[in-house]
Amino acid sequence: MALIVLTSAAGSPGVTTAALGLALTWHRPVLLVEADPTGGSALLAGYFRGQTSPAQTVLDLAFAHRAGALAEAIPSVSMQIPNTTVRMIAGTQSHAQARSLTGLWEPLAAALKQLDTAGQDVIVDAGRLGLTGAPEPLLYGADLCLLVTRTDLVALSGARSWAATLRGGFEQQGAGSAAALLTVGDGRPYRGREVAKVPRLRRSRTRWVTALCRRSMPPSAS
């Protein structure tokens, strides 16, 4: 497993929290990338409580790409999360910067997948689908794309629509099995088995995703 991307269809179901949780409990060194086009790093404001201000962000990767040095820039742009095996690349400070990243996402997907050869996985917070500057090439270049959704009818309606769009995109890329649904708030009000009955929301890889998350947990947390 090299590149895992989390995204959502609407609202704020917990993409950032899920991405951070996976990274902090991952079974080997991992790079956490904020690619949310909304801007204003949720990780810096939330997890770090606004006490950390990295010198470089994902925007610096765009500059490096233009200079032909994208792969070399990834380690220097990332920062270590203290007391973990997680490195992180902070997102843009403003949504206005998202447009300048459009040409970055496709080459970045290729560069991030190469980190697997060095024993490092990558988890990406891609934010909400459909926004200006959304990192779609990262989604379609991922080994696994997780569509995060709550289990109420409004959230599932949005997820149902986007699930079809994602499936079509993966099929065009020849990777139709690379997407899965990740529900937040199981049983509030619907459970996973009920969600799986909704057309186009078949959770064919739910067991595999659950096993993946469990393997990432340290022995003391199992």
C-alpha atoms as a PDB file:
ATOM      1  CA  MET A   1       0.000   0.000   0.000  1.00  0.00           C
ATOM      2  CA  ALA A   2       1.528   3.347  -1.021  1.00  0.00           C
ATOM      3  CA  LEU A   3      -1.020   6.121  -1.508  1.00  0.00           C
ATOM      4  CA  ILE A   4      -4.359   6.432   0.343  1.00  0.00           C
ATOM      5  CA  VAL A   5      -6.617   9.443  -0.290  1.00  0.00           C
ATOM      6  CA  LEU A   6      -9.606  10.438   1.858  1.00  0.00           C
ATOM      7  CA  THR A   7     -12.326  12.745   0.573  1.00  0.00           C
ATOM      8  CA  SER A   8     -15.994  13.571   1.143  1.00  0.00           C
ATOM      9  CA  ALA A   9     -19.068  14.352  -0.930  1.00  0.00           C
ATOM     10  CA  ALA A  10     -20.479  17.134   1.238  1.00  0.00           C
ATOM     11  CA  GLY A  11     -20.309  18.770   4.624  1.00  0.00           C
ATOM     12  CA  SER A  12     -17.635  17.923   7.171  1.00  0.00           C
ATOM     13  CA  PRO A  13     -17.980  14.227   8.020  1.00  0.00           C
ATOM     14  CA  GLY A  14     -14.515  13.938   9.526  1.00  0.00           C
ATOM     15  CA  VAL A  15     -12.076  13.533   6.627  1.00  0.00           C
ATOM     16  CA  THR A  16      -9.247  15.342   8.408  1.00  0.00           C
ATOM     17  CA  THR A  17      -9.834  13.497  11.674  1.00  0.00           C
ATOM     18  CA  ALA A  18      -9.922  10.127   9.889  1.00  0.00           C
ATOM     19  CA  ALA A  19      -6.767  10.906   7.914  1.00  0.00           C
ATOM     20  CA  LEU A  20      -4.929  12.018  11.046  1.00  0.00           C
ATOM     21  CA  GLY A  21      -6.130   9.012  13.036  1.00  0.00           C
ATOM     22  CA  LEU A  22      -4.935   6.592  10.360  1.00  0.00           C
ATOM     23  CA  ALA A  23      -1.569   8.331  10.144  1.00  0.00           C
ATOM     24  CA  LEU A  24      -0.957   8.373  13.891  1.00  0.00           C
ATOM     25  CA  THR A  25      -1.724   4.659  14.220  1.00  0.00           C
ATOM     26  CA  TRP A  26      -0.078   3.510  11.000  1.00  0.00           C
ATOM     27  CA  HIS A  27       2.181   0.452  11.083  1.00  0.00           C
ATOM     28  CA  ARG A  28       5.170   2.052   9.370  1.00  0.00           C
ATOM     29  CA  PRO A  29       6.502   5.567   8.599  1.00  0.00           C
ATOM     30  CA  VAL A  30       3.867   7.644   6.833  1.00  0.00           C
ATOM     31  CA  LEU A  31       3.568  11.048   5.188  1.00  0.00           C
ATOM     32  CA  LEU A  32       0.335  12.970   5.831  1.00  0.00           C
ATOM     33  CA  VAL A  33      -0.488  15.505   3.111  1.00  0.00           C
ATOM     34  CA  GLU A  34      -3.087  18.262   3.381  1.00  0.00           C
ATOM     35  CA  ALA A  35      -4.491  18.754  -0.117  1.00  0.00           C
ATOM     36  CA  ASP A  36      -7.826  20.282   0.888  1.00  0.00           C
ATOM     37  CA  PRO A  37      -8.467  23.220  -1.489  1.00  0.00           C
ATOM     38  CA  THR A  38     -10.479  25.023   1.190  1.00  0.00           C
ATOM     39  CA  GLY A  39      -7.240  26.338   2.685  1.00  0.00           C
ATOM     40  CA  GLY A  40      -6.407  27.164   6.277  1.00  0.00           C
ATOM     41  CA  SER A  41      -4.761  24.041   7.686  1.00  0.00           C
ATOM     42  CA  ALA A  42      -7.190  22.162   9.924  1.00  0.00           C
ATOM     43  CA  LEU A  43      -4.309  20.118  11.322  1.00  0.00           C
ATOM     44  CA  LEU A  44      -2.297  23.147  12.378  1.00  0.00           C
ATOM     45  CA  ALA A  45      -5.359  24.795  13.926  1.00  0.00           C
ATOM     46  CA  GLY A  46      -6.739  21.628  15.526  1.00  0.00           C
ATOM     47  CA  TYR A  47      -4.105  19.036  16.361  1.00  0.00           C
ATOM     48  CA  PHE A  48      -1.349  21.608  16.915  1.00  0.00           C
ATOM     49  CA  ARG A  49      -3.750  24.148  18.481  1.00  0.00           C
ATOM     50  CA  GLY A  50      -2.290  26.923  16.359  1.00  0.00           C
ATOM     51  CA  GLN A  51       1.081  26.662  18.116  1.00  0.00           C
ATOM     52  CA  THR A  52       3.030  25.543  15.044  1.00  0.00           C
ATOM     53  CA  SER A  53       3.673  27.472  11.854  1.00  0.00           C
ATOM     54  CA  PRO A  54       5.688  25.489   9.287  1.00  0.00           C
ATOM     55  CA  ALA A  55       8.080  27.412   7.087  1.00  0.00           C
ATOM     56  CA  GLN A  56       6.834  25.598   3.980  1.00  0.00           C
ATOM     57  CA  THR A  57       3.528  24.202   2.707  1.00  0.00           C
ATOM     58  CA  VAL A  58       2.157  22.280  -0.244  1.00  0.00           C
ATOM     59  CA  LEU A  59       2.429  25.540  -2.196  1.00  0.00           C
ATOM     60  CA  ASP A  60       6.210  25.194  -2.039  1.00  0.00           C
ATOM     61  CA  LEU A  61       5.875  21.841  -3.794  1.00  0.00           C
ATOM     62  CA  ALA A  62       4.252  23.679  -6.705  1.00  0.00           C
ATOM     63  CA  PHE A  63       7.262  25.999  -6.908  1.00  0.00           C
ATOM     64  CA  ALA A  64       9.602  23.000  -6.756  1.00  0.00           C
ATOM     65  CA  HIS A  65       7.687  21.256  -9.529  1.00  0.00           C
ATOM     66  CA  ARG A  66       8.085  24.282 -11.788  1.00  0.00           C
ATOM     67  CA  ALA A  67      11.806  24.145 -11.091  1.00  0.00           C
ATOM     68  CA  GLY A  68      11.928  20.429 -11.940  1.00  0.00           C
ATOM     69  CA  ALA A  69      12.743  19.344  -8.400  1.00  0.00           C
ATOM     70  CA  LEU A  70       9.439  18.017  -7.025  1.00  0.00           C
ATOM     71  CA  ALA A  71      10.624  14.647  -5.700  1.00  0.00           C
ATOM     72  CA  GLU A  72      13.655  16.186  -4.023  1.00  0.00           C
ATOM     73  CA  ALA A  73      11.506  18.846  -2.327  1.00  0.00           C
ATOM     74  CA  ILE A  74       9.050  16.503  -0.594  1.00  0.00           C
ATOM     75  CA  PRO A  75      11.330  15.644   2.394  1.00  0.00           C
ATOM     76  CA  SER A  76      12.378  19.249   2.974  1.00  0.00           C
ATOM     77  CA  VAL A  77       8.828  20.645   2.749  1.00  0.00           C
ATOM     78  CA  SER A  78       7.453  18.085   5.212  1.00  0.00           C
ATOM     79  CA  MET A  79       7.670  18.459   8.991  1.00  0.00           C
ATOM     80  CA  GLN A  80       7.874  15.802  11.695  1.00  0.00           C
ATOM     81  CA  ILE A  81       4.927  15.422  14.049  1.00  0.00           C
ATOM     82  CA  PRO A  82       6.635  15.163  17.456  1.00  0.00           C
ATOM     83  CA  ASN A  83       6.808  11.756  19.135  1.00  0.00           C
ATOM     84  CA  THR A  84       5.426   9.930  16.075  1.00  0.00           C
ATOM     85  CA  THR A  85       6.657   8.319  12.872  1.00  0.00           C
ATOM     86  CA  VAL A  86       4.470  10.740  10.900  1.00  0.00           C
ATOM     87  CA  ARG A  87       5.736  13.527   8.699  1.00  0.00           C
ATOM     88  CA  MET A  88       3.281  16.091   7.413  1.00  0.00           C
ATOM     89  CA  ILE A  89       2.966  18.606   4.591  1.00  0.00           C
ATOM     90  CA  ALA A  90       0.684  21.481   5.580  1.00  0.00           C
ATOM     91  CA  GLY A  91      -1.968  22.736   3.206  1.00  0.00           C
ATOM     92  CA  THR A  92      -2.464  26.177   1.733  1.00  0.00           C
ATOM     93  CA  GLN A  93      -3.242  29.129   3.958  1.00  0.00           C
ATOM     94  CA  SER A  94      -6.081  30.369   1.759  1.00  0.00           C
ATOM     95  CA  HIS A  95      -8.568  28.921  -0.708  1.00  0.00           C
ATOM     96  CA  ALA A  96      -7.356  31.545  -3.195  1.00  0.00           C
ATOM     97  CA  GLN A  97      -4.102  29.584  -3.530  1.00  0.00           C
ATOM     98  CA  ALA A  98      -5.898  26.444  -4.722  1.00  0.00           C
ATOM     99  CA  ARG A  99      -5.912  27.489  -8.379  1.00  0.00           C
ATOM    100  CA  SER A 100      -2.124  27.678  -8.427  1.00  0.00           C
ATOM    101  CA  LEU A 101      -1.919  24.003  -7.460  1.00  0.00           C
ATOM    102  CA  THR A 102      -3.890  22.638 -10.406  1.00  0.00           C
ATOM    103  CA  GLY A 103      -0.786  21.588 -12.306  1.00  0.00           C
ATOM    104  CA  LEU A 104       0.821  20.036  -9.236  1.00  0.00           C
ATOM    105  CA  TRP A 105      -1.558  17.196  -8.389  1.00  0.00           C
ATOM    106  CA  GLU A 106      -0.814  14.773 -11.223  1.00  0.00           C
ATOM    107  CA  PRO A 107       3.001  14.822 -10.925  1.00  0.00           C
ATOM    108  CA  LEU A 108       2.678  14.838  -7.137  1.00  0.00           C
ATOM    109  CA  ALA A 109       0.627  11.628  -7.250  1.00  0.00           C
ATOM    110  CA  ALA A 110       3.433   9.919  -9.155  1.00  0.00           C
ATOM    111  CA  ALA A 111       6.091  11.291  -6.800  1.00  0.00           C
ATOM    112  CA  LEU A 112       4.200  10.225  -3.672  1.00  0.00           C
ATOM    113  CA  LYS A 113       3.722   6.675  -4.930  1.00  0.00           C
ATOM    114  CA  GLN A 114       7.487   6.390  -5.352  1.00  0.00           C
ATOM    115  CA  LEU A 115       7.914   6.827  -1.587  1.00  0.00           C
ATOM    116  CA  ASP A 116       6.696   3.247  -1.165  1.00  0.00           C
ATOM    117  CA  THR A 117      10.084   2.006  -2.359  1.00  0.00           C
ATOM    118  CA  ALA A 118      11.649   3.785   0.625  1.00  0.00           C
ATOM    119  CA  GLY A 119       9.239   2.136   3.075  1.00  0.00           C
ATOM    120  CA  GLN A 120       6.983   5.155   3.518  1.00  0.00           C
ATOM    121  CA  ASP A 121       3.245   5.241   2.889  1.00  0.00           C
ATOM    122  CA  VAL A 122       1.217   8.378   2.155  1.00  0.00           C
ATOM    123  CA  ILE A 123      -2.191   9.440   3.483  1.00  0.00           C
ATOM    124  CA  VAL A 124      -3.848  12.442   1.847  1.00  0.00           C
ATOM    125  CA  ASP A 125      -6.641  14.671   3.153  1.00  0.00           C
ATOM    126  CA  ALA A 126      -8.258  15.783  -0.118  1.00  0.00           C
ATOM    127  CA  GLY A 127     -11.141  17.678   1.475  1.00  0.00           C
ATOM    128  CA  ARG A 128     -14.493  17.924  -0.251  1.00  0.00           C
ATOM    129  CA  LEU A 129     -15.124  16.887  -3.823  1.00  0.00           C
ATOM    130  CA  GLY A 130     -16.185  19.390  -6.459  1.00  0.00           C
ATOM    131  CA  LEU A 131     -14.382  22.464  -5.100  1.00  0.00           C
ATOM    132  CA  THR A 132     -12.180  24.682  -7.249  1.00  0.00           C
ATOM    133  CA  GLY A 133      -8.669  23.285  -7.144  1.00  0.00           C
ATOM    134  CA  ALA A 134      -9.776  19.863  -5.871  1.00  0.00           C
ATOM    135  CA  PRO A 135      -6.891  17.365  -6.231  1.00  0.00           C
ATOM    136  CA  GLU A 136      -8.705  14.887  -8.488  1.00  0.00           C
ATOM    137  CA  PRO A 137      -5.485  13.430  -9.973  1.00  0.00           C
ATOM    138  CA  LEU A 138      -4.495  12.364  -6.456  1.00  0.00           C
ATOM    139  CA  LEU A 139      -7.805  10.513  -6.076  1.00  0.00           C
ATOM    140  CA  TYR A 140      -7.497   8.669  -9.358  1.00  0.00           C
ATOM    141  CA  GLY A 141      -3.813   7.956  -8.850  1.00  0.00           C
ATOM    142  CA  ALA A 142      -4.344   6.492  -5.379  1.00  0.00           C
ATOM    143  CA  ASP A 143      -4.029   2.855  -4.455  1.00  0.00           C
ATOM    144  CA  LEU A 144      -7.132   3.382  -2.340  1.00  0.00           C
ATOM    145  CA  CYS A 145      -9.612   6.274  -2.314  1.00  0.00           C
ATOM    146  CA  LEU A 146     -11.892   6.423   0.725  1.00  0.00           C
ATOM    147  CA  LEU A 147     -15.153   8.353   0.324  1.00  0.00           C
ATOM    148  CA  VAL A 148     -15.964   9.462   3.869  1.00  0.00           C
ATOM    149  CA  THR A 149     -19.627   9.993   4.762  1.00  0.00           C
ATOM    150  CA  ARG A 150     -21.958  10.171   7.717  1.00  0.00           C
ATOM    151  CA  THR A 151     -24.911   7.795   7.773  1.00  0.00           C
ATOM    152  CA  ASP A 152     -27.857  10.198   7.662  1.00  0.00           C
ATOM    153  CA  LEU A 153     -30.008  10.505   4.534  1.00  0.00           C
ATOM    154  CA  VAL A 154     -28.652  13.904   3.459  1.00  0.00           C
ATOM    155  CA  ALA A 155     -25.034  12.726   3.602  1.00  0.00           C
ATOM    156  CA  LEU A 156     -25.801   9.416   1.911  1.00  0.00           C
ATOM    157  CA  SER A 157     -27.616  11.168  -0.909  1.00  0.00           C
ATOM    158  CA  GLY A 158     -24.525  13.205  -1.698  1.00  0.00           C
ATOM    159  CA  ALA A 159     -22.252  10.194  -1.333  1.00  0.00           C
ATOM    160  CA  ARG A 160     -24.448   8.155  -3.673  1.00  0.00           C
ATOM    161  CA  SER A 161     -24.079  10.731  -6.433  1.00  0.00           C
ATOM    162  CA  TRP A 162     -20.339  11.134  -6.037  1.00  0.00           C
ATOM    163  CA  ALA A 163     -19.766   7.386  -5.704  1.00  0.00           C
ATOM    164  CA  ALA A 164     -21.017   6.953  -9.256  1.00  0.00           C
ATOM    165  CA  THR A 165     -18.736   9.746 -10.477  1.00  0.00           C
ATOM    166  CA  LEU A 166     -15.710   8.277  -8.736  1.00  0.00           C
ATOM    167  CA  ARG A 167     -16.451   4.795 -10.003  1.00  0.00           C
ATOM    168  CA  GLY A 168     -16.626   6.107 -13.567  1.00  0.00           C
ATOM    169  CA  GLY A 169     -13.338   7.922 -13.153  1.00  0.00           C
ATOM    170  CA  PHE A 170     -11.576   4.862 -11.784  1.00  0.00           C
ATOM    171  CA  GLU A 171     -12.941   2.713 -14.577  1.00  0.00           C
ATOM    172  CA  GLN A 172     -11.510   5.141 -17.115  1.00  0.00           C
ATOM    173  CA  GLN A 173      -8.176   4.788 -15.347  1.00  0.00           C
ATOM    174  CA  GLY A 174      -8.469   1.012 -15.369  1.00  0.00           C
ATOM    175  CA  ALA A 175      -8.678   0.844 -11.573  1.00  0.00           C
ATOM    176  CA  GLY A 176     -12.358   0.248 -10.855  1.00  0.00           C
ATOM    177  CA  SER A 177     -11.718  -1.456  -7.490  1.00  0.00           C
ATOM    178  CA  ALA A 178      -9.629   1.363  -5.991  1.00  0.00           C
ATOM    179  CA  ALA A 179     -12.483   3.142  -4.199  1.00  0.00           C
ATOM    180  CA  ALA A 180     -14.295   2.292  -0.968  1.00  0.00           C
ATOM    181  CA  LEU A 181     -16.798   3.874   1.400  1.00  0.00           C
ATOM    182  CA  LEU A 182     -15.803   4.857   4.937  1.00  0.00           C
ATOM    183  CA  THR A 183     -18.811   5.634   7.139  1.00  0.00           C
ATOM    184  CA  VAL A 184     -18.593   7.867  10.207  1.00  0.00           C
ATOM    185  CA  GLY A 185     -21.140   7.472  13.004  1.00  0.00           C
ATOM    186  CA  ASP A 186     -22.230   3.904  12.348  1.00  0.00           C
ATOM    187  CA  GLY A 187     -25.783   3.480  13.572  1.00  0.00           C
ATOM    188  CA  ARG A 188     -26.568   7.206  13.625  1.00  0.00           C
ATOM    189  CA  PRO A 189     -29.071   6.480  12.252  1.00  0.00           C
ATOM    190  CA  TYR A 190     -28.084   3.778   9.718  1.00  0.00           C
ATOM    191  CA  ARG A 191     -25.616   0.942  10.091  1.00  0.00           C
ATOM    192  CA  GLY A 192     -23.097  -0.261   7.567  1.00  0.00           C
ATOM    193  CA  ARG A 193     -25.239  -3.155   6.355  1.00  0.00           C
ATOM    194  CA  GLU A 194     -28.113  -0.788   5.642  1.00  0.00           C
ATOM    195  CA  VAL A 195     -25.855   1.681   3.844  1.00  0.00           C
ATOM    196  CA  ALA A 196     -24.480  -1.149   1.693  1.00  0.00           C
ATOM    197  CA  LYS A 197     -27.968  -1.796   0.318  1.00  0.00           C
ATOM    198  CA  VAL A 198     -28.124   1.641  -1.303  1.00  0.00           C
ATOM    199  CA  PRO A 199     -27.405   1.393  -5.060  1.00  0.00           C
ATOM    200  CA  ARG A 200     -23.950   2.695  -5.986  1.00  0.00           C
ATOM    201  CA  LEU A 201     -22.886   2.650  -2.339  1.00  0.00           C
ATOM    202  CA  ARG A 202     -21.971  -1.017  -2.280  1.00  0.00           C
ATOM    203  CA  ARG A 203     -19.268  -1.393   0.323  1.00  0.00           C
ATOM    204  CA  SER A 204     -17.553  -4.299  -1.415  1.00  0.00           C
ATOM    205  CA  ARG A 205     -14.243  -3.547   0.256  1.00  0.00           C
ATOM    206  CA  THR A 206     -15.492  -2.602   3.718  1.00  0.00           C
ATOM    207  CA  ARG A 207     -14.072  -5.692   5.391  1.00  0.00           C
ATOM    208  CA  TRP A 208     -10.719  -5.092   3.730  1.00  0.00           C
ATOM    209  CA  VAL A 209     -10.692  -1.434   4.833  1.00  0.00           C
ATOM    210  CA  THR A 210     -11.599  -2.416   8.388  1.00  0.00           C
ATOM    211  CA  ALA A 211      -8.784  -4.954   8.445  1.00  0.00           C
ATOM    212  CA  LEU A 212      -6.391  -2.354   7.071  1.00  0.00           C
ATOM    213  CA  CYS A 213      -7.282   0.075   9.854  1.00  0.00           C
ATOM    214  CA  ARG A 214      -6.967  -2.606  12.508  1.00  0.00           C
ATOM    215  CA  ARG A 215      -3.521  -3.610  11.239  1.00  0.00           C
ATOM    216  CA  SER A 216      -2.440   0.007  11.582  1.00  0.00           C
ATOM    217  CA  MET A 217      -3.286   0.070  15.290  1.00  0.00           C
ATOM    218  CA  PRO A 218      -0.464  -0.612  17.774  1.00  0.00           C
ATOM    219  CA  PRO A 219      -0.794  -3.813  19.864  1.00  0.00           C
ATOM    220  CA  SER A 220      -1.761  -1.862  22.982  1.00  0.00           C
ATOM    221  CA  ALA A 221      -4.774  -0.356  21.206  1.00  0.00           C
ATOM    222  CA  SER A 222      -6.207  -3.570  19.785  1.00  0.00           C
END
